[in-house]
Amino acid sequence: MSIQNDTGGNEPHNQNGIGQWKGLAEIDQAIHENRLTEYRMKKAWADPWIRFAGLMVAMLFIAFFGFVIWQDVL
């Protein structure tokens, strides 16, 4: 048993025996998920059918909200 890397606490250790902070692991996971989401969005936008469907859904929402504003507010 090596005392060299002992932090004196009950912190989890990685494979190298260095203590890990829970907050940093959560931040790392959030960064990973954001990159994955960004990659998925870029990949979906590159597909012409998904881009067309996304634009149609966005236009449908805009038309609906415009209709609601026109009928109820004005």
PDB file of N, CA and C in Angstrom:
ATOM      1  N   MET A   1       0.837  -1.177   0.000  1.00  0.00           N
ATOM      2  CA  MET A   1       0.000   0.000   0.000  1.00  0.00           C
ATOM      3  C   MET A   1       0.881   1.239   0.000  1.00  0.00           C
ATOM      4  N   SER A   2       0.551   2.163  -0.862  1.00  0.00           N
ATOM      5  CA  SER A   2       1.355   3.361  -0.995  1.00  0.00           C
ATOM      6  C   SER A   2       0.708   4.514  -0.236  1.00  0.00           C
ATOM      7  N   ILE A   3       1.489   5.183   0.558  1.00  0.00           N
ATOM      8  CA  ILE A   3       1.011   6.334   1.309  1.00  0.00           C
ATOM      9  C   ILE A   3       1.184   7.601   0.472  1.00  0.00           C
ATOM     10  N   GLN A   4       1.901   7.509  -0.597  1.00  0.00           N
ATOM     11  CA  GLN A   4       2.249   8.654  -1.423  1.00  0.00           C
ATOM     12  C   GLN A   4       1.007   9.379  -1.952  1.00  0.00           C
ATOM     13  N   ASN A   5      -0.007   8.655  -2.423  1.00  0.00           N
ATOM     14  CA  ASN A   5      -1.194   9.270  -3.007  1.00  0.00           C
ATOM     15  C   ASN A   5      -2.357   9.338  -2.035  1.00  0.00           C
ATOM     16  N   ASP A   6      -2.150   9.034  -0.775  1.00  0.00           N
ATOM     17  CA  ASP A   6      -3.232   9.052   0.202  1.00  0.00           C
ATOM     18  C   ASP A   6      -3.602  10.493   0.524  1.00  0.00           C
ATOM     19  N   THR A   7      -4.888  10.834   0.312  1.00  0.00           N
ATOM     20  CA  THR A   7      -5.353  12.191   0.593  1.00  0.00           C
ATOM     21  C   THR A   7      -5.912  12.308   1.995  1.00  0.00           C
ATOM     22  N   GLY A   8      -6.075  11.200   2.680  1.00  0.00           N
ATOM     23  CA  GLY A   8      -6.575  11.235   4.037  1.00  0.00           C
ATOM     24  C   GLY A   8      -8.083  11.318   4.118  1.00  0.00           C
ATOM     25  N   GLY A   9      -8.762  11.296   3.009  1.00  0.00           N
ATOM     26  CA  GLY A   9     -10.217  11.389   3.011  1.00  0.00           C
ATOM     27  C   GLY A   9     -10.840  10.166   2.373  1.00  0.00           C
ATOM     28  N   ASN A  10     -12.125  10.217   2.228  1.00  0.00           N
ATOM     29  CA  ASN A  10     -12.850   9.115   1.603  1.00  0.00           C
ATOM     30  C   ASN A  10     -13.214   9.448   0.162  1.00  0.00           C
ATOM     31  N   GLU A  11     -12.432  10.273  -0.498  1.00  0.00           N
ATOM     32  CA  GLU A  11     -12.708  10.640  -1.882  1.00  0.00           C
ATOM     33  C   GLU A  11     -12.448   9.456  -2.795  1.00  0.00           C
ATOM     34  N   PRO A  12     -13.259   9.303  -3.850  1.00  0.00           N
ATOM     35  CA  PRO A  12     -12.986   8.228  -4.807  1.00  0.00           C
ATOM     36  C   PRO A  12     -11.705   8.510  -5.576  1.00  0.00           C
ATOM     37  N   HIS A  13     -11.025   7.471  -5.964  1.00  0.00           N
ATOM     38  CA  HIS A  13      -9.782   7.609  -6.713  1.00  0.00           C
ATOM     39  C   HIS A  13      -9.966   7.033  -8.102  1.00  0.00           C
ATOM     40  N   ASN A  14      -9.285   7.636  -9.070  1.00  0.00           N
ATOM     41  CA  ASN A  14      -9.314   7.082 -10.410  1.00  0.00           C
ATOM     42  C   ASN A  14      -8.238   6.009 -10.541  1.00  0.00           C
ATOM     43  N   GLN A  15      -7.964   5.546 -11.741  1.00  0.00           N
ATOM     44  CA  GLN A  15      -7.024   4.443 -11.947  1.00  0.00           C
ATOM     45  C   GLN A  15      -5.603   4.816 -11.535  1.00  0.00           C
ATOM     46  N   ASN A  16      -5.271   6.085 -11.604  1.00  0.00           N
ATOM     47  CA  ASN A  16      -3.921   6.512 -11.250  1.00  0.00           C
ATOM     48  C   ASN A  16      -3.766   6.743  -9.746  1.00  0.00           C
ATOM     49  N   GLY A  17      -4.840   6.607  -8.996  1.00  0.00           N
ATOM     50  CA  GLY A  17      -4.774   6.811  -7.562  1.00  0.00           C
ATOM     51  C   GLY A  17      -4.914   8.255  -7.150  1.00  0.00           C
ATOM     52  N   ILE A  18      -5.219   9.131  -8.092  1.00  0.00           N
ATOM     53  CA  ILE A  18      -5.376  10.554  -7.797  1.00  0.00           C
ATOM     54  C   ILE A  18      -6.834  10.805  -7.435  1.00  0.00           C
ATOM     55  N   GLY A  19      -7.072  11.583  -6.391  1.00  0.00           N
ATOM     56  CA  GLY A  19      -8.438  11.858  -5.949  1.00  0.00           C
ATOM     57  C   GLY A  19      -9.217  12.649  -6.983  1.00  0.00           C
ATOM     58  N   GLN A  20     -10.512  12.342  -7.104  1.00  0.00           N
ATOM     59  CA  GLN A  20     -11.383  13.048  -8.035  1.00  0.00           C
ATOM     60  C   GLN A  20     -12.360  13.894  -7.249  1.00  0.00           C
ATOM     61  N   TRP A  21     -12.685  15.045  -7.770  1.00  0.00           N
ATOM     62  CA  TRP A  21     -13.685  15.898  -7.156  1.00  0.00           C
ATOM     63  C   TRP A  21     -15.012  15.645  -7.845  1.00  0.00           C
ATOM     64  N   LYS A  22     -16.070  15.502  -7.077  1.00  0.00           N
ATOM     65  CA  LYS A  22     -17.385  15.213  -7.655  1.00  0.00           C
ATOM     66  C   LYS A  22     -17.853  16.351  -8.545  1.00  0.00           C
ATOM     67  N   GLY A  23     -17.598  17.578  -8.160  1.00  0.00           N
ATOM     68  CA  GLY A  23     -18.024  18.728  -8.959  1.00  0.00           C
ATOM     69  C   GLY A  23     -17.386  18.749 -10.329  1.00  0.00           C
ATOM     70  N   LEU A  24     -16.117  18.409 -10.391  1.00  0.00           N
ATOM     71  CA  LEU A  24     -15.432  18.391 -11.684  1.00  0.00           C
ATOM     72  C   LEU A  24     -15.951  17.275 -12.570  1.00  0.00           C
ATOM     73  N   ALA A  25     -16.304  16.137 -11.972  1.00  0.00           N
ATOM     74  CA  ALA A  25     -16.863  15.039 -12.761  1.00  0.00           C
ATOM     75  C   ALA A  25     -18.210  15.438 -13.353  1.00  0.00           C
ATOM     76  N   GLU A  26     -19.023  16.172 -12.584  1.00  0.00           N
ATOM     77  CA  GLU A  26     -20.312  16.627 -13.098  1.00  0.00           C
ATOM     78  C   GLU A  26     -20.137  17.645 -14.217  1.00  0.00           C
ATOM     79  N   ILE A  27     -19.173  18.531 -14.057  1.00  0.00           N
ATOM     80  CA  ILE A  27     -18.897  19.513 -15.109  1.00  0.00           C
ATOM     81  C   ILE A  27     -18.406  18.813 -16.368  1.00  0.00           C
ATOM     82  N   ASP A  28     -17.545  17.830 -16.206  1.00  0.00           N
ATOM     83  CA  ASP A  28     -17.041  17.069 -17.347  1.00  0.00           C
ATOM     84  C   ASP A  28     -18.182  16.366 -18.077  1.00  0.00           C
ATOM     85  N   GLN A  29     -19.099  15.794 -17.324  1.00  0.00           N
ATOM     86  CA  GLN A  29     -20.248  15.118 -17.938  1.00  0.00           C
ATOM     87  C   GLN A  29     -21.121  16.115 -18.687  1.00  0.00           C
ATOM     88  N   ALA A  30     -21.329  17.297 -18.115  1.00  0.00           N
ATOM     89  CA  ALA A  30     -22.141  18.322 -18.777  1.00  0.00           C
ATOM     90  C   ALA A  30     -21.483  18.785 -20.078  1.00  0.00           C
ATOM     91  N   ILE A  31     -20.175  18.960 -20.042  1.00  0.00           N
ATOM     92  CA  ILE A  31     -19.457  19.352 -21.258  1.00  0.00           C
ATOM     93  C   ILE A  31     -19.587  18.270 -22.317  1.00  0.00           C
ATOM     94  N   HIS A  32     -19.454  17.028 -21.904  1.00  0.00           N
ATOM     95  CA  HIS A  32     -19.578  15.918 -22.846  1.00  0.00           C
ATOM     96  C   HIS A  32     -20.969  15.879 -23.473  1.00  0.00           C
ATOM     97  N   GLU A  33     -22.010  16.045 -22.651  1.00  0.00           N
ATOM     98  CA  GLU A  33     -23.369  16.010 -23.173  1.00  0.00           C
ATOM     99  C   GLU A  33     -23.628  17.171 -24.111  1.00  0.00           C
ATOM    100  N   ASN A  34     -23.093  18.351 -23.823  1.00  0.00           N
ATOM    101  CA  ASN A  34     -23.284  19.499 -24.694  1.00  0.00           C
ATOM    102  C   ASN A  34     -22.605  19.261 -26.035  1.00  0.00           C
ATOM    103  N   ARG A  35     -21.413  18.707 -26.012  1.00  0.00           N
ATOM    104  CA  ARG A  35     -20.731  18.418 -27.270  1.00  0.00           C
ATOM    105  C   ARG A  35     -21.498  17.392 -28.075  1.00  0.00           C
ATOM    106  N   LEU A  36     -22.042  16.389 -27.394  1.00  0.00           N
ATOM    107  CA  LEU A  36     -22.804  15.368 -28.080  1.00  0.00           C
ATOM    108  C   LEU A  36     -24.068  15.955 -28.691  1.00  0.00           C
ATOM    109  N   THR A  37     -24.733  16.835 -27.958  1.00  0.00           N
ATOM    110  CA  THR A  37     -25.937  17.483 -28.471  1.00  0.00           C
ATOM    111  C   THR A  37     -25.592  18.369 -29.662  1.00  0.00           C
ATOM    112  N   GLU A  38     -24.509  19.109 -29.557  1.00  0.00           N
ATOM    113  CA  GLU A  38     -24.096  19.971 -30.665  1.00  0.00           C
ATOM    114  C   GLU A  38     -23.780  19.141 -31.905  1.00  0.00           C
ATOM    115  N   TYR A  39     -23.112  18.007 -31.728  1.00  0.00           N
ATOM    116  CA  TYR A  39     -22.792  17.128 -32.849  1.00  0.00           C
ATOM    117  C   TYR A  39     -24.074  16.590 -33.491  1.00  0.00           C
ATOM    118  N   ARG A  40     -25.029  16.190 -32.665  1.00  0.00           N
ATOM    119  CA  ARG A  40     -26.288  15.671 -33.203  1.00  0.00           C
ATOM    120  C   ARG A  40     -27.037  16.739 -33.978  1.00  0.00           C
ATOM    121  N   MET A  41     -27.029  17.979 -33.480  1.00  0.00           N
ATOM    122  CA  MET A  41     -27.724  19.055 -34.177  1.00  0.00           C
ATOM    123  C   MET A  41     -27.061  19.352 -35.520  1.00  0.00           C
ATOM    124  N   LYS A  42     -25.736  19.383 -35.536  1.00  0.00           N
ATOM    125  CA  LYS A  42     -25.030  19.635 -36.794  1.00  0.00           C
ATOM    126  C   LYS A  42     -25.284  18.510 -37.796  1.00  0.00           C
ATOM    127  N   LYS A  43     -25.282  17.274 -37.312  1.00  0.00           N
ATOM    128  CA  LYS A  43     -25.516  16.124 -38.183  1.00  0.00           C
ATOM    129  C   LYS A  43     -26.944  16.149 -38.725  1.00  0.00           C
ATOM    130  N   ALA A  44     -27.913  16.492 -37.874  1.00  0.00           N
ATOM    131  CA  ALA A  44     -29.304  16.557 -38.317  1.00  0.00           C
ATOM    132  C   ALA A  44     -29.498  17.690 -39.319  1.00  0.00           C
ATOM    133  N   TRP A  45     -28.849  18.828 -39.085  1.00  0.00           N
ATOM    134  CA  TRP A  45     -28.996  19.967 -39.992  1.00  0.00           C
ATOM    135  C   TRP A  45     -28.385  19.663 -41.359  1.00  0.00           C
ATOM    136  N   ALA A  46     -27.405  18.786 -41.409  1.00  0.00           N
ATOM    137  CA  ALA A  46     -26.780  18.432 -42.683  1.00  0.00           C
ATOM    138  C   ALA A  46     -27.689  17.557 -43.534  1.00  0.00           C
ATOM    139  N   ASP A  47     -28.635  16.843 -42.928  1.00  0.00           N
ATOM    140  CA  ASP A  47     -29.560  15.992 -43.674  1.00  0.00           C
ATOM    141  C   ASP A  47     -30.681  16.864 -44.241  1.00  0.00           C
ATOM    142  N   PRO A  48     -30.879  16.863 -45.567  1.00  0.00           N
ATOM    143  CA  PRO A  48     -31.875  17.771 -46.152  1.00  0.00           C
ATOM    144  C   PRO A  48     -33.311  17.471 -45.710  1.00  0.00           C
ATOM    145  N   TRP A  49     -33.672  16.212 -45.493  1.00  0.00           N
ATOM    146  CA  TRP A  49     -35.036  15.892 -45.077  1.00  0.00           C
ATOM    147  C   TRP A  49     -35.321  16.355 -43.654  1.00  0.00           C
ATOM    148  N   ILE A  50     -34.377  16.169 -42.771  1.00  0.00           N
ATOM    149  CA  ILE A  50     -34.575  16.605 -41.388  1.00  0.00           C
ATOM    150  C   ILE A  50     -34.579  18.127 -41.312  1.00  0.00           C
ATOM    151  N   ARG A  51     -33.723  18.772 -42.111  1.00  0.00           N
ATOM    152  CA  ARG A  51     -33.711  20.233 -42.145  1.00  0.00           C
ATOM    153  C   ARG A  51     -35.056  20.753 -42.652  1.00  0.00           C
ATOM    154  N   PHE A  52     -35.591  20.128 -43.707  1.00  0.00           N
ATOM    155  CA  PHE A  52     -36.892  20.533 -44.247  1.00  0.00           C
ATOM    156  C   PHE A  52     -37.999  20.347 -43.205  1.00  0.00           C
ATOM    157  N   ALA A  53     -38.000  19.199 -42.526  1.00  0.00           N
ATOM    158  CA  ALA A  53     -39.020  18.934 -41.508  1.00  0.00           C
ATOM    159  C   ALA A  53     -38.892  19.921 -40.345  1.00  0.00           C
ATOM    160  N   GLY A  54     -37.678  20.224 -39.942  1.00  0.00           N
ATOM    161  CA  GLY A  54     -37.470  21.179 -38.857  1.00  0.00           C
ATOM    162  C   GLY A  54     -37.953  22.561 -39.215  1.00  0.00           C
ATOM    163  N   LEU A  55     -37.675  22.988 -40.425  1.00  0.00           N
ATOM    164  CA  LEU A  55     -38.138  24.304 -40.869  1.00  0.00           C
ATOM    165  C   LEU A  55     -39.661  24.339 -40.994  1.00  0.00           C
ATOM    166  N   MET A  56     -40.263  23.250 -41.441  1.00  0.00           N
ATOM    167  CA  MET A  56     -41.724  23.192 -41.535  1.00  0.00           C
ATOM    168  C   MET A  56     -42.366  23.268 -40.149  1.00  0.00           C
ATOM    169  N   VAL A  57     -41.816  22.566 -39.185  1.00  0.00           N
ATOM    170  CA  VAL A  57     -42.347  22.617 -37.820  1.00  0.00           C
ATOM    171  C   VAL A  57     -42.191  24.024 -37.251  1.00  0.00           C
ATOM    172  N   ALA A  58     -41.046  24.646 -37.485  1.00  0.00           N
ATOM    173  CA  ALA A  58     -40.826  26.011 -36.988  1.00  0.00           C
ATOM    174  C   ALA A  58     -41.819  26.976 -37.641  1.00  0.00           C
ATOM    175  N   MET A  59     -42.041  26.833 -38.932  1.00  0.00           N
ATOM    176  CA  MET A  59     -42.997  27.714 -39.615  1.00  0.00           C
ATOM    177  C   MET A  59     -44.417  27.464 -39.122  1.00  0.00           C
ATOM    178  N   LEU A  60     -44.750  26.213 -38.804  1.00  0.00           N
ATOM    179  CA  LEU A  60     -46.070  25.898 -38.274  1.00  0.00           C
ATOM    180  C   LEU A  60     -46.286  26.567 -36.916  1.00  0.00           C
ATOM    181  N   PHE A  61     -45.280  26.518 -36.038  1.00  0.00           N
ATOM    182  CA  PHE A  61     -45.377  27.183 -34.744  1.00  0.00           C
ATOM    183  C   PHE A  61     -45.503  28.691 -34.903  1.00  0.00           C
ATOM    184  N   ILE A  62     -44.720  29.269 -35.789  1.00  0.00           N
ATOM    185  CA  ILE A  62     -44.781  30.718 -36.017  1.00  0.00           C
ATOM    186  C   ILE A  62     -46.151  31.114 -36.548  1.00  0.00           C
ATOM    187  N   ALA A  63     -46.695  30.321 -37.485  1.00  0.00           N
ATOM    188  CA  ALA A  63     -48.020  30.613 -38.025  1.00  0.00           C
ATOM    189  C   ALA A  63     -49.089  30.494 -36.944  1.00  0.00           C
ATOM    190  N   PHE A  64     -48.984  29.478 -36.093  1.00  0.00           N
ATOM    191  CA  PHE A  64     -49.963  29.301 -35.016  1.00  0.00           C
ATOM    192  C   PHE A  64     -49.923  30.467 -34.048  1.00  0.00           C
ATOM    193  N   PHE A  65     -48.730  30.843 -33.605  1.00  0.00           N
ATOM    194  CA  PHE A  65     -48.624  31.963 -32.672  1.00  0.00           C
ATOM    195  C   PHE A  65     -49.069  33.273 -33.317  1.00  0.00           C
ATOM    196  N   GLY A  66     -48.795  33.445 -34.601  1.00  0.00           N
ATOM    197  CA  GLY A  66     -49.282  34.630 -35.304  1.00  0.00           C
ATOM    198  C   GLY A  66     -50.796  34.652 -35.364  1.00  0.00           C
ATOM    199  N   PHE A  67     -51.401  33.493 -35.612  1.00  0.00           N
ATOM    200  CA  PHE A  67     -52.853  33.400 -35.647  1.00  0.00           C
ATOM    201  C   PHE A  67     -53.455  33.712 -34.279  1.00  0.00           C
ATOM    202  N   VAL A  68     -52.871  33.166 -33.221  1.00  0.00           N
ATOM    203  CA  VAL A  68     -53.380  33.411 -31.866  1.00  0.00           C
ATOM    204  C   VAL A  68     -53.283  34.884 -31.522  1.00  0.00           C
ATOM    205  N   ILE A  69     -52.161  35.492 -31.832  1.00  0.00           N
ATOM    206  CA  ILE A  69     -52.003  36.924 -31.552  1.00  0.00           C
ATOM    207  C   ILE A  69     -53.013  37.742 -32.371  1.00  0.00           C
ATOM    208  N   TRP A  70     -53.193  37.388 -33.628  1.00  0.00           N
ATOM    209  CA  TRP A  70     -54.107  38.116 -34.495  1.00  0.00           C
ATOM    210  C   TRP A  70     -55.553  38.012 -33.983  1.00  0.00           C
ATOM    211  N   GLN A  71     -55.960  36.825 -33.572  1.00  0.00           N
ATOM    212  CA  GLN A  71     -57.339  36.620 -33.137  1.00  0.00           C
ATOM    213  C   GLN A  71     -57.623  37.120 -31.723  1.00  0.00           C
ATOM    214  N   ASP A  72     -56.682  36.945 -30.806  1.00  0.00           N
ATOM    215  CA  ASP A  72     -56.972  37.250 -29.406  1.00  0.00           C
ATOM    216  C   ASP A  72     -56.501  38.635 -28.980  1.00  0.00           C
ATOM    217  N   VAL A  73     -55.404  39.090 -29.489  1.00  0.00           N
ATOM    218  CA  VAL A  73     -54.831  40.355 -29.005  1.00  0.00           C
ATOM    219  C   VAL A  73     -55.321  41.532 -29.836  1.00  0.00           C
ATOM    220  N   LEU A  74     -55.337  41.379 -31.122  1.00  0.00           N
ATOM    221  CA  LEU A  74     -55.685  42.520 -31.987  1.00  0.00           C
ATOM    222  C   LEU A  74     -57.170  42.635 -32.229  1.00  0.00           C
TER     223      LEU A  74
END
